[in-house]
Amino acid sequence: MRSKLFIVLTLLVAAAWVNPAAAQAPQIQRQSIRGTVAKLDGQTLTVKSRDGATIAVALAPHYVVRSLVRKKLSDIHPGDFVGTTSMPGKDGKLHAVEIHFFPANLKLREIQEPWDLAPGAMMTNAHVAGVAKAAHGSVLSINYNNRVTEVIVDRKTAIVAPSPTPASAADLKPGRAVFILATKGADGTPTAVNITVEKNGVKPPM
């Protein structure tokens, strides 16, 4: 059941990138919301964003709250389908800010596109080709569209996976970090069907 619920967020992430055949169709506006919980009032979650703005998020009738658990680089194996946010380094290589696991039974297309976590950030969703030691950390090789992209992983890289322990609205406590990929309505109000919340000290790094 939890894997199916996690798919909801993942499909929203995947839908943020459209294929050329769908390019002429009206596009749903997406909004990534990162910040901390200010309050939960019924079906409205008020979030204080990273820039200090207050955002009222309308929650879908059957919204899902999920949390994450920490993982290690040794938990990543060839064939795993992962998402990673990376930043270009002075060495010209991509450096991973975070890596997150997707459910094994989820079929997503491979993408590598700009991501709004930080200026210059890139999101890559693809299968792992391998992991090797490097002079300054490790190299995660990702098989993206039949070519290998290398990403440097170091001690600062956050590695997470969906928690096997269910989360709930009770976890949406003031001050806890949240990540929401919302859709904007005609009036500009963001609506969320899935919320990732900080729990047991693990904050959403996406």
Protein backbone atom coordinates (compact mmCIF):
# COMPACT_ATOMS: atom_id res chain seq x y z
CA MET A 1 0.00 0.00 0.00
CA ARG A 2 2.78 2.44 0.90
CA SER A 3 4.57 1.74 -2.38
CA LYS A 4 1.40 2.62 -4.28
CA LEU A 5 1.06 5.84 -2.33
CA PHE A 6 4.67 6.73 -3.01
CA ILE A 7 3.99 6.30 -6.71
CA VAL A 8 1.64 9.29 -6.54
CA LEU A 9 4.50 11.69 -5.83
CA THR A 10 6.82 9.97 -8.25
CA LEU A 11 4.35 10.22 -11.10
CA LEU A 12 3.91 13.90 -10.38
CA VAL A 13 7.68 14.34 -10.57
CA ALA A 14 7.80 12.42 -13.83
CA ALA A 15 4.93 14.46 -15.25
CA ALA A 16 6.92 17.64 -14.76
CA TRP A 17 8.80 16.72 -17.95
CA VAL A 18 6.68 16.14 -21.06
CA ASN A 19 7.53 14.36 -24.26
CA PRO A 20 7.39 16.17 -27.63
CA ALA A 21 4.09 14.51 -28.55
CA ALA A 22 2.43 16.13 -25.57
CA ALA A 23 4.12 19.49 -25.96
CA GLN A 24 1.14 21.14 -27.63
CA ALA A 25 -1.34 20.05 -24.94
CA PRO A 26 -2.21 22.50 -22.16
CA GLN A 27 0.36 21.98 -19.44
CA ILE A 28 -0.45 21.64 -15.76
CA GLN A 29 1.51 24.16 -13.73
CA ARG A 30 3.76 22.57 -11.13
CA GLN A 31 5.15 24.23 -8.05
CA SER A 32 7.87 22.83 -5.82
CA ILE A 33 7.31 23.99 -2.25
CA ARG A 34 10.09 23.65 0.29
CA GLY A 35 9.96 25.02 3.80
CA THR A 36 8.59 24.27 7.23
CA VAL A 37 5.10 23.61 8.50
CA ALA A 38 3.44 26.70 9.97
CA LYS A 39 0.10 25.05 10.72
CA LEU A 40 -2.38 22.44 9.53
CA ASP A 41 -5.99 23.56 9.54
CA GLY A 42 -8.35 20.97 8.11
CA GLN A 43 -7.56 20.64 4.40
CA THR A 44 -5.16 23.58 4.33
CA LEU A 45 -1.47 23.30 5.12
CA THR A 46 0.32 26.58 5.68
CA VAL A 47 4.02 26.44 4.86
CA LYS A 48 6.73 28.99 5.56
CA SER A 49 8.92 28.72 2.49
CA ARG A 50 12.68 29.00 2.37
CA ASP A 51 12.47 32.62 1.22
CA GLY A 52 10.23 33.54 4.15
CA ALA A 53 6.96 33.64 2.22
CA THR A 54 3.82 32.05 3.66
CA ILE A 55 2.09 29.62 1.30
CA ALA A 56 -1.37 28.13 1.89
CA VAL A 57 -1.54 24.71 0.24
CA ALA A 58 -4.92 23.10 -0.41
CA LEU A 59 -4.81 19.41 0.41
CA ALA A 60 -6.61 16.92 -1.82
CA PRO A 61 -9.40 14.92 -0.12
CA HIS A 62 -7.25 11.80 0.16
CA TYR A 63 -3.82 13.37 0.48
CA VAL A 64 -0.90 11.23 1.58
CA VAL A 65 1.84 12.09 4.05
CA ARG A 66 5.10 10.23 3.75
CA SER A 67 8.51 10.34 5.37
CA LEU A 68 11.99 9.13 4.52
CA VAL A 69 14.76 7.05 6.03
CA ARG A 70 18.48 7.45 5.60
CA LYS A 71 20.39 5.08 3.36
CA LYS A 72 24.06 4.51 2.66
CA LEU A 73 25.96 4.50 -0.59
CA SER A 74 26.47 0.76 -0.07
CA ASP A 75 22.68 0.33 -0.35
CA ILE A 76 22.81 1.44 -3.98
CA HIS A 77 23.31 -1.39 -6.46
CA PRO A 78 23.53 -1.70 -10.24
CA GLY A 79 20.06 -1.77 -11.76
CA ASP A 80 18.45 0.37 -9.05
CA PHE A 81 16.38 3.23 -10.42
CA VAL A 82 17.23 6.38 -8.49
CA GLY A 83 16.79 10.11 -8.68
CA THR A 84 19.70 12.39 -7.91
CA THR A 85 20.02 16.15 -7.63
CA SER A 86 23.48 17.32 -8.62
CA MET A 87 25.39 20.55 -8.96
CA PRO A 88 28.28 21.30 -11.32
CA GLY A 89 31.58 21.55 -9.48
CA LYS A 90 34.69 23.58 -10.24
CA ASP A 91 36.21 20.37 -11.57
CA GLY A 92 33.57 20.28 -14.31
CA LYS A 93 31.91 17.21 -12.83
CA LEU A 94 28.43 16.77 -11.39
CA HIS A 95 28.35 16.50 -7.59
CA ALA A 96 25.37 14.84 -5.92
CA VAL A 97 23.44 16.90 -3.37
CA GLU A 98 20.98 14.08 -2.76
CA ILE A 99 20.04 10.62 -4.03
CA HIS A 100 16.59 9.11 -3.51
CA PHE A 101 15.28 5.65 -4.25
CA PHE A 102 12.19 4.91 -6.31
CA PRO A 103 10.06 1.79 -5.82
CA ALA A 104 11.49 -1.18 -7.74
CA ASN A 105 8.21 -1.86 -9.55
CA LEU A 106 7.78 1.69 -10.82
CA LYS A 107 8.36 2.31 -14.51
CA LEU A 108 9.59 5.84 -15.24
CA ARG A 109 11.32 7.29 -18.24
CA GLU A 110 14.89 8.39 -17.78
CA ILE A 111 15.33 12.14 -17.56
CA GLN A 112 18.06 14.66 -16.95
CA GLU A 113 16.68 18.16 -16.61
CA PRO A 114 17.22 21.37 -14.61
CA TRP A 115 15.81 21.14 -11.08
CA ASP A 116 14.76 24.03 -8.88
CA LEU A 117 16.45 23.01 -5.61
CA ALA A 118 19.20 25.55 -6.29
CA PRO A 119 20.48 27.61 -9.25
CA GLY A 120 22.30 25.30 -11.64
CA ALA A 121 20.90 22.12 -10.10
CA MET A 122 20.19 19.11 -12.30
CA MET A 123 17.82 16.21 -11.66
CA THR A 124 18.68 12.83 -13.16
CA ASN A 125 16.32 9.85 -12.91
CA ALA A 126 17.96 6.73 -14.29
CA HIS A 127 19.28 3.25 -13.57
CA VAL A 128 22.50 2.78 -11.67
CA ALA A 129 25.36 1.34 -13.72
CA GLY A 130 27.79 1.07 -10.83
CA VAL A 131 29.58 2.71 -7.93
CA ALA A 132 33.35 3.12 -7.70
CA LYS A 133 35.81 4.74 -5.33
CA ALA A 134 37.35 8.05 -6.36
CA ALA A 135 40.03 10.39 -5.09
CA HIS A 136 37.48 12.59 -3.34
CA GLY A 137 34.54 10.37 -2.46
CA SER A 138 32.88 7.93 -4.85
CA VAL A 139 31.59 7.97 -8.41
CA LEU A 140 27.99 6.97 -9.06
CA SER A 141 27.61 5.89 -12.67
CA ILE A 142 24.08 6.33 -14.01
CA ASN A 143 22.93 4.80 -17.28
CA TYR A 144 20.97 7.68 -18.74
CA ASN A 145 19.44 7.03 -22.18
CA ASN A 146 22.11 4.47 -23.08
CA ARG A 147 25.00 6.64 -22.03
CA VAL A 148 26.74 6.73 -18.69
CA THR A 149 26.65 9.91 -16.61
CA GLU A 150 29.06 10.09 -13.68
CA VAL A 151 28.14 11.87 -10.46
CA ILE A 152 30.50 12.47 -7.56
CA VAL A 153 29.13 11.35 -4.18
CA ASP A 154 30.74 12.53 -0.95
CA ARG A 155 29.98 12.66 2.77
CA LYS A 156 27.62 15.60 2.31
CA THR A 157 25.38 13.76 -0.14
CA ALA A 158 22.02 12.89 1.42
CA ILE A 159 20.80 9.40 0.48
CA VAL A 160 17.20 8.55 1.33
CA ALA A 161 14.40 6.10 0.61
CA PRO A 162 10.68 5.93 1.44
CA SER A 163 10.13 4.98 5.07
CA PRO A 164 8.49 1.59 5.63
CA THR A 165 6.73 3.15 8.62
CA PRO A 166 3.54 5.01 7.65
CA ALA A 167 3.39 8.76 8.20
CA SER A 168 0.18 10.72 8.79
CA ALA A 169 -1.27 14.17 9.23
CA ALA A 170 -0.17 13.97 12.86
CA ASP A 171 3.41 14.29 11.61
CA LEU A 172 2.69 17.69 10.04
CA LYS A 173 3.80 19.53 13.14
CA PRO A 174 4.89 23.18 13.13
CA GLY A 175 8.57 23.59 12.41
CA ARG A 176 9.03 20.33 10.54
CA ALA A 177 10.55 20.50 7.09
CA VAL A 178 8.37 19.58 4.12
CA PHE A 179 8.71 19.08 0.39
CA ILE A 180 5.60 19.33 -1.76
CA LEU A 181 5.25 19.04 -5.52
CA ALA A 182 1.95 20.85 -5.97
CA THR A 183 -0.24 21.72 -8.92
CA LYS A 184 -1.55 25.25 -9.41
CA GLY A 185 -5.23 25.88 -9.94
CA ALA A 186 -6.72 28.54 -12.20
CA ASP A 187 -6.62 30.98 -9.29
CA GLY A 188 -2.98 30.16 -8.55
CA THR A 189 -3.71 28.18 -5.40
CA PRO A 190 -1.34 25.20 -5.02
CA THR A 191 -2.96 21.82 -4.37
CA ALA A 192 -1.12 18.79 -3.03
CA VAL A 193 -1.91 15.11 -3.05
CA ASN A 194 1.37 14.06 -1.46
CA ILE A 195 3.54 15.65 1.22
CA THR A 196 7.00 14.56 2.30
CA VAL A 197 7.63 15.57 5.90
CA GLU A 198 10.62 15.51 8.21
CA LYS A 199 10.46 12.63 10.67
CA ASN A 200 13.01 11.15 13.07
CA GLY A 201 15.41 13.88 12.04
CA VAL A 202 15.36 12.98 8.32
CA LYS A 203 14.46 16.00 6.22
CA PRO A 204 13.37 15.76 2.58
CA PRO A 205 16.50 16.75 0.59
CA MET A 206 14.80 17.05 -2.81
